[in-house]
Amino acid sequence: MKLWAGRFQKETDKKVNDFNSSIGFDARLYREDIEGSIAHATMLGEVGIVTAEEAKQIVEGLQGILADIESGKVEFTVDAEDIHMNIETLLTERIGDTGKKLHTARSRNDQIALDMRSHLKKEVGEVIALIKKLEGVLYDKAQENMETIMPGYTHLQRAQPTTFAHYMMAYAQMFRRDVGRLQDTYKRMDEMPLGSGALATSTFPIDRQSVAKQLGYARVTENSMDSVADRDFVIEFASALSIIMMHLSRFSEEVILWCSNEFQFLDLDDAYSTGSSIMPQKKNPDVAELVRGKTGRVYGSLMTLLTMMKGLPLAYNKDMQEDKEAIFDAVDTVKLCLDVFADMFKTATVKQYNMRKAASGGFINATDCADYLVRKGIPFRDAYKIVGKLISYCIEHDEYLETLTLKDFCSICSEFDASVYDAIALRTCVNERKVEGGPSHDSVTKQMESLKKFLKTI
């Protein structure tokens, strides 16, 4: 019999029962639901709404249910609709009428708000731990490639020389920001909604602060209507997860390009590659491609949540049941992608020679050549035009700046002398960029020290 059966004259149609049920996906909240119920029952006993013996009986009954669930002895039923009613039904079956007192001074509305917050707080921590793992991989790759010169790109065209270590620190910054977003999300998530009831709290003298303390929350929510109607914390988490996936997708695109024969900058370990069913020579970067593809899936979850909430009046509406599948799938997808991507990249081989060779072509030292002339007193715009003429000359004669003779340089501008060759050497181009945040050895070392310090704080 339904818990609300007193109001209705007919049994719920089976199709409606199946349609309405959420146990198929909210079953994963069993621990949070039971922990919340234990805290609530303990508080009911503390303030005298139930006797101390009744509170003890309820708590022990819930602890037994938790143990049985985790040992595989419990099967949830669609008839009980959701995780809350499944647990309450089991409790009443085990301890009798005392179990029916558990729901005093609460609603499933504030109960699910609590369960979701408690569950997602844990998930935030797990996602941060996986980002930390990936950041560690980036640090190690950077440390191994402090002197690995490679071309940096704009518009996917070779632009200026950098190092692979500098490149890795760029992605490290992205993921650091992701951690910051998750930490901010956690702060707003860390508010305890139980005690808000259906929307207007309760006439019983409950102690919300006691429940919050038991469950490890920083504070209680301030408005009961907002407490049960709010899913900002779910949407904000989904937004942070989407940005993580955007960063992973960009990184994946780089990996895919670098593994191609056209680049040959990276070689993935066989354990993290796949082959072709028809072309025996193929070694495909499927992990990176799947991460790139799954990004759209996480974006979809965010759009589901935003669209679901956009027209809902206060307070709780059944539409909000749709938050769970979306955020659960987004969390599961991001955790899977972070974990496997970190392992894939950790085992990849950086082809240092090919990176250096690519940096030697494409005139990526052109800006440095112009800067050389600026130091000679020539205005930058004039220096820019002079170097442009040099590049045209190089293209016409199949040369690079570093292969031109001094006579060639001087034919374009008399300010050149033999020191130009050192100025446009790739090592010089990289290590003279000593500006904070740049690719010089000292600058990248500082970036890595900052990352190392950051990793100790999370």
Protein backbone atom coordinates (compact mmCIF):
# COMPACT_ATOMS: atom_id res chain seq x y z
CA MET A 1 0.00 0.00 0.00
CA LYS A 2 1.23 3.49 -0.88
CA LEU A 3 2.23 5.74 2.02
CA TRP A 4 -0.29 8.30 0.81
CA ALA A 5 -3.08 5.73 0.30
CA GLY A 6 -5.49 7.33 2.79
CA ARG A 7 -6.41 10.10 0.33
CA PHE A 8 -7.01 7.86 -2.71
CA GLN A 9 -9.82 5.46 -3.57
CA LYS A 10 -7.96 3.61 -6.35
CA GLU A 11 -4.63 1.88 -6.67
CA THR A 12 -2.08 3.63 -8.88
CA ASP A 13 -2.12 2.37 -12.45
CA LYS A 14 0.89 0.13 -13.13
CA LYS A 15 2.06 2.32 -16.02
CA VAL A 16 1.90 5.39 -13.79
CA ASN A 17 3.66 3.46 -11.06
CA ASP A 18 6.53 2.59 -13.37
CA PHE A 19 6.60 6.09 -14.87
CA ASN A 20 6.60 7.75 -11.46
CA SER A 21 9.20 5.50 -9.89
CA SER A 22 12.76 6.74 -9.40
CA ILE A 23 14.25 3.77 -7.53
CA GLY A 24 15.98 2.64 -10.71
CA PHE A 25 18.38 5.58 -10.47
CA ASP A 26 18.09 7.04 -6.97
CA ALA A 27 19.01 3.71 -5.37
CA ARG A 28 22.60 4.95 -5.35
CA LEU A 29 21.55 7.44 -2.65
CA TYR A 30 20.83 4.70 -0.11
CA ARG A 31 23.78 5.55 2.16
CA GLU A 32 23.05 9.27 2.20
CA ASP A 33 19.36 8.58 2.78
CA ILE A 34 20.07 6.31 5.72
CA GLU A 35 22.71 8.62 7.22
CA GLY A 36 20.25 11.51 6.97
CA SER A 37 17.53 9.43 8.59
CA ILE A 38 19.83 8.37 11.42
CA ALA A 39 20.68 12.02 12.11
CA HIS A 40 16.99 12.98 11.95
CA ALA A 41 15.93 10.15 14.28
CA THR A 42 18.71 11.01 16.73
CA MET A 43 17.54 14.63 16.77
CA LEU A 44 13.89 13.57 17.26
CA GLY A 45 15.02 11.66 20.34
CA GLU A 46 17.14 14.57 21.63
CA VAL A 47 14.26 17.04 21.54
CA GLY A 48 11.69 14.55 22.87
CA ILE A 49 9.52 14.16 19.77
CA VAL A 50 10.14 10.42 20.07
CA THR A 51 11.45 8.66 23.15
CA ALA A 52 15.14 7.87 23.56
CA GLU A 53 14.30 4.16 23.25
CA GLU A 54 12.33 4.72 20.03
CA ALA A 55 15.18 6.78 18.56
CA LYS A 56 17.63 4.02 19.47
CA GLN A 57 15.39 1.38 17.88
CA ILE A 58 15.05 3.42 14.66
CA VAL A 59 18.80 4.08 14.45
CA GLU A 60 19.69 0.43 14.99
CA GLY A 61 17.08 -0.63 12.44
CA LEU A 62 18.55 1.77 9.86
CA GLN A 63 22.08 0.59 10.58
CA GLY A 64 20.95 -2.99 9.99
CA ILE A 65 19.34 -2.03 6.67
CA LEU A 66 22.54 -0.28 5.58
CA ALA A 67 24.62 -3.33 6.40
CA ASP A 68 22.21 -5.60 4.52
CA ILE A 69 22.15 -3.34 1.46
CA GLU A 70 25.93 -3.31 1.29
CA SER A 71 26.12 -7.07 1.64
CA GLY A 72 23.61 -7.55 -1.18
CA LYS A 73 20.75 -8.84 0.94
CA VAL A 74 18.22 -6.15 0.00
CA GLU A 75 16.20 -5.82 -3.18
CA PHE A 76 14.48 -2.51 -3.78
CA THR A 77 10.98 -2.47 -5.25
CA VAL A 78 9.31 -0.21 -7.77
CA ASP A 79 6.13 -0.35 -5.70
CA ALA A 80 7.84 1.72 -3.00
CA GLU A 81 8.64 4.28 -5.71
CA ASP A 82 11.88 5.84 -4.47
CA ILE A 83 14.83 5.27 -2.16
CA HIS A 84 13.14 7.09 0.75
CA MET A 85 10.01 4.95 0.73
CA ASN A 86 11.98 1.76 0.14
CA ILE A 87 14.08 2.42 3.24
CA GLU A 88 11.08 3.46 5.34
CA THR A 89 9.09 0.42 4.24
CA LEU A 90 11.99 -1.90 5.14
CA LEU A 91 12.37 -0.17 8.51
CA THR A 92 8.69 -0.55 9.36
CA GLU A 93 8.75 -4.21 8.35
CA ARG A 94 11.68 -4.78 10.70
CA ILE A 95 10.79 -2.73 13.80
CA GLY A 96 7.04 -2.26 13.46
CA ASP A 97 5.06 0.90 14.18
CA THR A 98 8.06 2.71 15.64
CA GLY A 99 9.46 2.85 12.12
CA LYS A 100 6.44 4.93 11.08
CA LYS A 101 7.57 7.69 13.46
CA LEU A 102 10.78 8.35 11.50
CA HIS A 103 9.06 10.63 9.01
CA THR A 104 7.77 12.97 11.71
CA ALA A 105 8.67 16.61 10.93
CA ARG A 106 10.12 15.96 7.50
CA SER A 107 9.03 15.52 3.88
CA ARG A 108 10.50 13.66 0.96
CA ASN A 109 11.06 17.13 -0.48
CA ASP A 110 13.67 18.13 2.09
CA GLN A 111 14.84 14.52 2.33
CA ILE A 112 15.88 14.33 -1.32
CA ALA A 113 17.42 17.80 -1.16
CA LEU A 114 19.59 16.50 1.68
CA ASP A 115 20.44 13.23 -0.05
CA MET A 116 21.50 15.00 -3.23
CA ARG A 117 23.67 17.52 -1.43
CA SER A 118 25.33 14.85 0.70
CA HIS A 119 25.96 12.62 -2.29
CA LEU A 120 27.29 15.36 -4.56
CA LYS A 121 29.57 16.71 -1.83
CA LYS A 122 31.32 13.33 -1.88
CA GLU A 123 31.42 13.33 -5.67
CA VAL A 124 33.04 16.78 -5.74
CA GLY A 125 35.83 15.39 -3.59
CA GLU A 126 36.30 12.40 -5.88
CA VAL A 127 36.46 14.56 -9.01
CA ILE A 128 39.04 16.84 -7.37
CA ALA A 129 41.13 13.78 -6.47
CA LEU A 130 41.10 12.66 -10.11
CA ILE A 131 42.09 16.12 -11.32
CA LYS A 132 44.94 16.01 -8.81
CA LYS A 133 46.04 12.72 -10.35
CA LEU A 134 46.06 14.27 -13.83
CA GLU A 135 47.90 17.36 -12.59
CA GLY A 136 50.56 15.05 -11.19
CA VAL A 137 50.98 13.47 -14.62
CA LEU A 138 51.31 16.92 -16.22
CA TYR A 139 53.94 17.88 -13.65
CA ASP A 140 55.98 14.74 -14.34
CA LYS A 141 55.77 15.18 -18.12
CA ALA A 142 56.88 18.80 -17.76
CA GLN A 143 59.80 17.83 -15.56
CA GLU A 144 60.94 15.28 -18.14
CA ASN A 145 60.70 17.83 -20.97
CA MET A 146 62.05 21.11 -19.62
CA GLU A 147 64.39 21.37 -22.62
CA THR A 148 62.09 19.87 -25.24
CA ILE A 149 61.61 22.69 -27.72
CA MET A 150 58.50 22.58 -29.86
CA PRO A 151 56.41 24.97 -31.93
CA GLY A 152 53.61 26.84 -30.28
CA TYR A 153 50.58 27.50 -32.49
CA THR A 154 47.95 30.09 -33.20
CA HIS A 155 45.25 29.32 -35.78
CA LEU A 156 46.91 25.86 -35.89
CA GLN A 157 49.84 27.52 -37.67
CA ARG A 158 53.35 27.43 -36.24
CA ALA A 159 53.76 30.69 -34.37
CA GLN A 160 56.55 30.92 -31.78
CA PRO A 161 58.90 28.46 -30.10
CA THR A 162 58.07 27.10 -26.67
CA THR A 163 58.79 23.95 -24.69
CA PHE A 164 56.70 20.91 -24.00
CA ALA A 165 57.00 21.73 -20.29
CA HIS A 166 55.49 25.18 -20.91
CA TYR A 167 52.71 23.53 -22.91
CA MET A 168 51.94 21.14 -20.04
CA MET A 169 51.80 23.99 -17.56
CA ALA A 170 49.16 25.67 -19.74
CA TYR A 171 46.86 22.67 -19.30
CA ALA A 172 47.80 22.52 -15.62
CA GLN A 173 46.41 26.04 -15.23
CA MET A 174 43.11 25.02 -16.83
CA PHE A 175 42.65 22.14 -14.42
CA ARG A 176 43.65 24.30 -11.46
CA ARG A 177 40.79 26.63 -12.32
CA ASP A 178 38.52 23.58 -12.49
CA VAL A 179 39.48 22.68 -8.94
CA GLY A 180 38.69 26.24 -7.85
CA ARG A 181 35.25 26.04 -9.46
CA LEU A 182 34.55 22.73 -7.75
CA GLN A 183 35.65 24.11 -4.39
CA ASP A 184 33.35 27.10 -4.84
CA THR A 185 30.51 24.77 -5.80
CA TYR A 186 31.15 22.72 -2.68
CA LYS A 187 30.86 25.82 -0.46
CA ARG A 188 27.37 26.54 -1.75
CA MET A 189 26.48 22.85 -1.62
CA ASP A 190 27.49 22.62 2.04
CA GLU A 191 24.14 23.81 3.41
CA MET A 192 21.83 21.41 5.24
CA PRO A 193 18.19 21.56 4.01
CA LEU A 194 16.54 18.92 6.22
CA GLY A 195 13.90 20.45 8.47
CA SER A 196 12.46 22.54 5.67
CA GLY A 197 9.65 20.00 5.33
CA ALA A 198 7.51 20.12 2.22
CA LEU A 199 8.14 23.88 1.98
CA ALA A 200 7.17 25.54 5.31
CA THR A 201 9.15 23.62 7.98
CA SER A 202 7.22 22.00 10.85
CA THR A 203 5.23 22.78 13.97
CA PHE A 204 7.45 20.37 15.92
CA PRO A 205 10.41 21.90 17.82
CA ILE A 206 13.10 20.27 15.70
CA ASP A 207 16.78 21.19 15.96
CA ARG A 208 18.20 21.67 12.47
CA GLN A 209 21.60 22.70 13.80
CA SER A 210 21.96 19.35 15.55
CA VAL A 211 21.25 17.47 12.31
CA ALA A 212 23.69 19.67 10.39
CA LYS A 213 26.42 19.02 12.96
CA GLN A 214 25.84 15.26 12.88
CA LEU A 215 26.09 15.20 9.08
CA GLY A 216 29.12 17.48 8.87
CA TYR A 217 27.46 20.44 7.18
CA ALA A 218 28.88 23.94 7.57
CA ARG A 219 25.48 25.56 8.05
CA VAL A 220 21.73 25.14 7.51
CA THR A 221 19.80 26.64 4.62
CA GLU A 222 18.10 29.95 5.47
CA ASN A 223 14.76 29.69 3.64
CA SER A 224 12.62 26.57 3.66
CA MET A 225 10.91 27.19 0.31
CA ASP A 226 14.22 27.77 -1.42
CA SER A 227 15.69 24.73 0.33
CA VAL A 228 13.33 22.26 -1.33
CA ALA A 229 13.06 24.10 -4.66
CA ASP A 230 16.78 24.74 -5.16
CA ARG A 231 18.82 22.73 -7.61
CA ASP A 232 21.40 25.45 -8.28
CA PHE A 233 24.03 23.28 -6.62
CA VAL A 234 23.31 20.48 -9.10
CA ILE A 235 23.43 22.86 -12.07
CA GLU A 236 26.59 24.55 -10.82
CA PHE A 237 28.27 21.17 -10.42
CA ALA A 238 27.17 20.18 -13.92
CA SER A 239 28.57 23.45 -15.24
CA ALA A 240 31.93 22.84 -13.56
CA LEU A 241 31.94 19.28 -14.95
CA SER A 242 31.19 20.62 -18.44
CA ILE A 243 34.15 22.99 -18.27
CA ILE A 244 36.37 20.13 -17.13
CA MET A 245 35.23 18.14 -20.15
CA MET A 246 35.87 21.12 -22.42
CA HIS A 247 39.46 21.22 -21.16
CA LEU A 248 39.84 17.46 -21.54
CA SER A 249 38.40 17.69 -25.05
CA ARG A 250 40.86 20.39 -26.08
CA PHE A 251 43.69 18.32 -24.66
CA SER A 252 42.34 15.25 -26.46
CA GLU A 253 42.33 17.13 -29.74
CA GLU A 254 46.01 17.96 -29.22
CA VAL A 255 46.80 14.32 -28.46
CA ILE A 256 44.96 13.19 -31.59
CA LEU A 257 46.86 15.68 -33.73
CA TRP A 258 50.20 14.89 -32.11
CA CYS A 259 49.71 11.16 -32.74
CA SER A 260 49.08 11.67 -36.46
CA ASN A 261 51.78 11.02 -39.04
CA GLU A 262 51.58 14.67 -39.97
CA PHE A 263 52.77 15.71 -36.48
CA GLN A 264 54.42 12.62 -34.92
CA PHE A 265 54.93 14.44 -31.62
CA LEU A 266 53.48 11.72 -29.42
CA ASP A 267 53.23 7.94 -29.37
CA LEU A 268 50.54 6.37 -27.21
CA ASP A 269 51.22 3.16 -25.37
CA ASP A 270 49.71 0.10 -27.04
CA ALA A 271 47.60 -0.50 -23.93
CA TYR A 272 45.82 2.81 -24.55
CA SER A 273 45.40 2.53 -28.31
CA THR A 274 43.25 0.45 -30.64
CA GLY A 275 43.65 -0.94 -34.12
CA SER A 276 41.56 -1.22 -37.26
CA SER A 277 39.51 -4.22 -38.33
CA ILE A 278 40.66 -3.79 -41.93
CA MET A 279 43.86 -1.67 -41.94
CA PRO A 280 46.65 -3.51 -40.10
CA GLN A 281 48.94 -0.48 -39.94
CA LYS A 282 46.54 1.63 -37.89
CA LYS A 283 47.10 2.71 -34.29
CA ASN A 284 44.15 4.83 -33.26
CA PRO A 285 43.91 7.27 -30.32
CA ASP A 286 40.44 6.03 -29.39
CA VAL A 287 40.68 7.04 -25.72
CA ALA A 288 41.25 10.68 -26.66
CA GLU A 289 38.53 10.52 -29.31
CA LEU A 290 36.01 9.07 -26.84
CA VAL A 291 36.83 11.74 -24.28
CA ARG A 292 36.25 14.35 -26.98
CA GLY A 293 32.95 12.68 -27.90
CA LYS A 294 31.73 12.26 -24.32
CA THR A 295 32.12 15.99 -23.79
CA GLY A 296 28.86 16.52 -25.68
CA ARG A 297 27.16 14.02 -23.40
CA VAL A 298 28.12 16.03 -20.30
CA TYR A 299 27.06 19.27 -21.99
CA GLY A 300 23.72 17.57 -22.63
CA SER A 301 23.29 16.88 -18.93
CA LEU A 302 23.86 20.54 -18.13
CA MET A 303 21.30 21.62 -20.71
CA THR A 304 18.82 19.05 -19.34
CA LEU A 305 19.13 20.54 -15.87
CA LEU A 306 18.87 24.15 -17.01
CA THR A 307 15.86 23.41 -19.19
CA MET A 308 14.16 21.35 -16.48
CA MET A 309 14.38 24.18 -13.96
CA LYS A 310 13.70 27.19 -16.16
CA GLY A 311 9.91 27.36 -15.72
CA LEU A 312 9.28 25.84 -12.31
CA PRO A 313 7.30 27.84 -9.73
CA LEU A 314 8.12 27.44 -6.05
CA ALA A 315 8.39 25.10 -4.33
CA TYR A 316 8.96 21.42 -5.20
CA ASN A 317 7.73 20.01 -8.53
CA LYS A 318 8.00 16.43 -9.77
CA ASP A 319 10.02 17.68 -12.77
CA MET A 320 12.95 17.94 -10.36
CA GLN A 321 13.15 14.17 -10.18
CA GLU A 322 14.85 14.44 -13.58
CA ASP A 323 17.94 16.01 -12.01
CA LYS A 324 19.33 12.69 -10.85
CA GLU A 325 19.93 10.78 -14.05
CA ALA A 326 21.46 13.87 -15.65
CA ILE A 327 23.92 14.72 -12.89
CA PHE A 328 24.74 11.09 -12.06
CA ASP A 329 25.63 10.40 -15.69
CA ALA A 330 27.68 13.59 -15.93
CA VAL A 331 29.64 12.74 -12.78
CA ASP A 332 30.23 9.13 -13.85
CA THR A 333 31.38 10.25 -17.30
CA VAL A 334 33.79 12.89 -16.02
CA LYS A 335 35.32 10.56 -13.45
CA LEU A 336 35.83 7.86 -16.06
CA CYS A 337 37.36 10.30 -18.55
CA LEU A 338 39.73 11.92 -16.05
CA ASP A 339 40.98 8.57 -14.82
CA VAL A 340 41.62 6.92 -18.18
CA PHE A 341 43.01 10.10 -19.78
CA ALA A 342 45.58 10.50 -16.99
CA ASP A 343 46.73 6.89 -17.42
CA MET A 344 46.85 7.25 -21.21
CA PHE A 345 48.95 10.41 -21.08
CA LYS A 346 51.24 9.09 -18.34
CA THR A 347 52.26 6.14 -20.51
CA ALA A 348 52.64 8.17 -23.74
CA THR A 349 56.06 8.75 -25.28
CA VAL A 350 57.05 12.30 -26.18
CA LYS A 351 58.96 12.38 -29.48
CA GLN A 352 61.39 15.12 -28.60
CA TYR A 353 63.38 15.02 -31.85
CA ASN A 354 60.26 15.47 -33.99
CA MET A 355 59.11 18.39 -31.87
CA ARG A 356 62.48 20.10 -32.22
CA LYS A 357 62.55 19.42 -35.95
CA ALA A 358 59.10 20.95 -36.38
CA ALA A 359 60.20 24.00 -34.41
CA SER A 360 63.08 24.50 -36.82
CA GLY A 361 60.72 25.18 -39.71
CA GLY A 362 57.92 27.65 -40.28
CA PHE A 363 59.84 30.81 -39.32
CA ILE A 364 58.72 30.64 -35.70
CA ASN A 365 61.73 32.78 -34.76
CA ALA A 366 60.48 35.68 -36.93
CA THR A 367 59.27 37.72 -33.95
CA ASP A 368 62.67 37.28 -32.29
CA CYS A 369 64.34 38.51 -35.45
CA ALA A 370 62.14 41.62 -35.36
CA ASP A 371 62.90 42.11 -31.65
CA TYR A 372 66.61 41.94 -32.52
CA LEU A 373 66.17 44.92 -34.84
CA VAL A 374 64.12 46.79 -32.23
CA ARG A 375 67.08 46.48 -29.85
CA LYS A 376 69.12 48.10 -32.62
CA GLY A 377 66.82 51.13 -32.41
CA ILE A 378 64.43 50.33 -35.27
CA PRO A 379 60.72 50.88 -34.47
CA PHE A 380 58.86 47.58 -34.16
CA ARG A 381 56.53 48.23 -37.11
CA ASP A 382 59.51 48.92 -39.38
CA ALA A 383 61.30 45.85 -38.00
CA TYR A 384 58.18 43.80 -38.67
CA LYS A 385 58.21 44.84 -42.36
CA ILE A 386 61.93 44.11 -42.71
CA VAL A 387 61.52 40.59 -41.34
CA GLY A 388 58.48 40.10 -43.58
CA LYS A 389 60.73 40.84 -46.57
CA LEU A 390 63.33 38.41 -45.25
CA ILE A 391 60.70 35.67 -45.01
CA SER A 392 59.54 36.37 -48.57
CA TYR A 393 63.18 36.06 -49.65
CA CYS A 394 63.51 32.76 -47.74
CA ILE A 395 60.37 31.33 -49.33
CA GLU A 396 61.55 32.35 -52.79
CA HIS A 397 64.99 30.78 -52.27
CA ASP A 398 63.92 27.77 -50.15
CA GLU A 399 65.76 28.99 -47.06
CA TYR A 400 65.02 29.60 -43.37
CA LEU A 401 66.11 32.64 -41.36
CA GLU A 402 68.85 30.65 -39.66
CA THR A 403 70.23 29.39 -43.02
CA LEU A 404 70.55 32.86 -44.59
CA THR A 405 74.03 34.32 -44.97
CA LEU A 406 74.91 37.57 -43.26
CA LYS A 407 75.11 39.09 -46.75
CA ASP A 408 71.49 38.02 -47.32
CA PHE A 409 70.43 39.70 -44.07
CA CYS A 410 72.31 42.90 -44.85
CA SER A 411 70.83 43.08 -48.35
CA ILE A 412 67.48 43.72 -46.66
CA CYS A 413 68.72 45.80 -43.71
CA SER A 414 72.24 47.04 -42.92
CA GLU A 415 71.64 46.88 -39.15
CA PHE A 416 72.19 43.11 -39.10
CA ASP A 417 75.50 41.68 -37.91
CA ALA A 418 76.74 38.22 -36.92
CA SER A 419 74.97 38.43 -33.53
CA VAL A 420 71.68 37.83 -35.31
CA TYR A 421 72.35 34.09 -35.46
CA ASP A 422 72.45 33.77 -31.69
CA ALA A 423 69.37 35.99 -31.35
CA ILE A 424 67.27 33.76 -33.60
CA ALA A 425 68.56 30.42 -32.28
CA LEU A 426 65.59 28.47 -30.89
CA ARG A 427 67.19 27.97 -27.48
CA THR A 428 67.69 31.73 -27.22
CA CYS A 429 64.17 32.42 -28.45
CA VAL A 430 62.79 30.28 -25.63
CA ASN A 431 65.07 31.16 -22.75
CA GLU A 432 65.13 34.90 -23.37
CA ARG A 433 61.39 34.94 -22.79
CA LYS A 434 61.93 35.45 -19.09
CA VAL A 435 58.73 37.36 -18.51
CA GLU A 436 56.64 35.82 -15.73
CA GLY A 437 54.47 33.10 -17.23
CA GLY A 438 56.72 32.59 -20.25
CA PRO A 439 58.52 29.53 -21.62
CA SER A 440 62.04 30.19 -20.29
CA HIS A 441 63.55 27.54 -18.06
CA ASP A 442 63.36 29.75 -14.98
CA SER A 443 59.79 30.83 -15.68
CA VAL A 444 58.53 27.28 -16.22
CA THR A 445 60.36 26.16 -13.09
CA LYS A 446 58.39 28.76 -11.11
CA GLN A 447 55.15 27.58 -12.71
CA MET A 448 55.94 24.02 -11.72
CA GLU A 449 56.81 25.03 -8.17
CA SER A 450 53.47 26.82 -7.97
CA LEU A 451 51.67 23.71 -9.22
CA LYS A 452 53.50 21.50 -6.74
CA LYS A 453 52.51 23.81 -3.88
CA PHE A 454 48.91 23.87 -5.11
CA LEU A 455 48.72 20.07 -5.23
CA LYS A 456 49.67 19.92 -1.56
CA THR A 457 46.63 22.02 -0.68
CA ILE A 458 43.99 19.77 -2.29
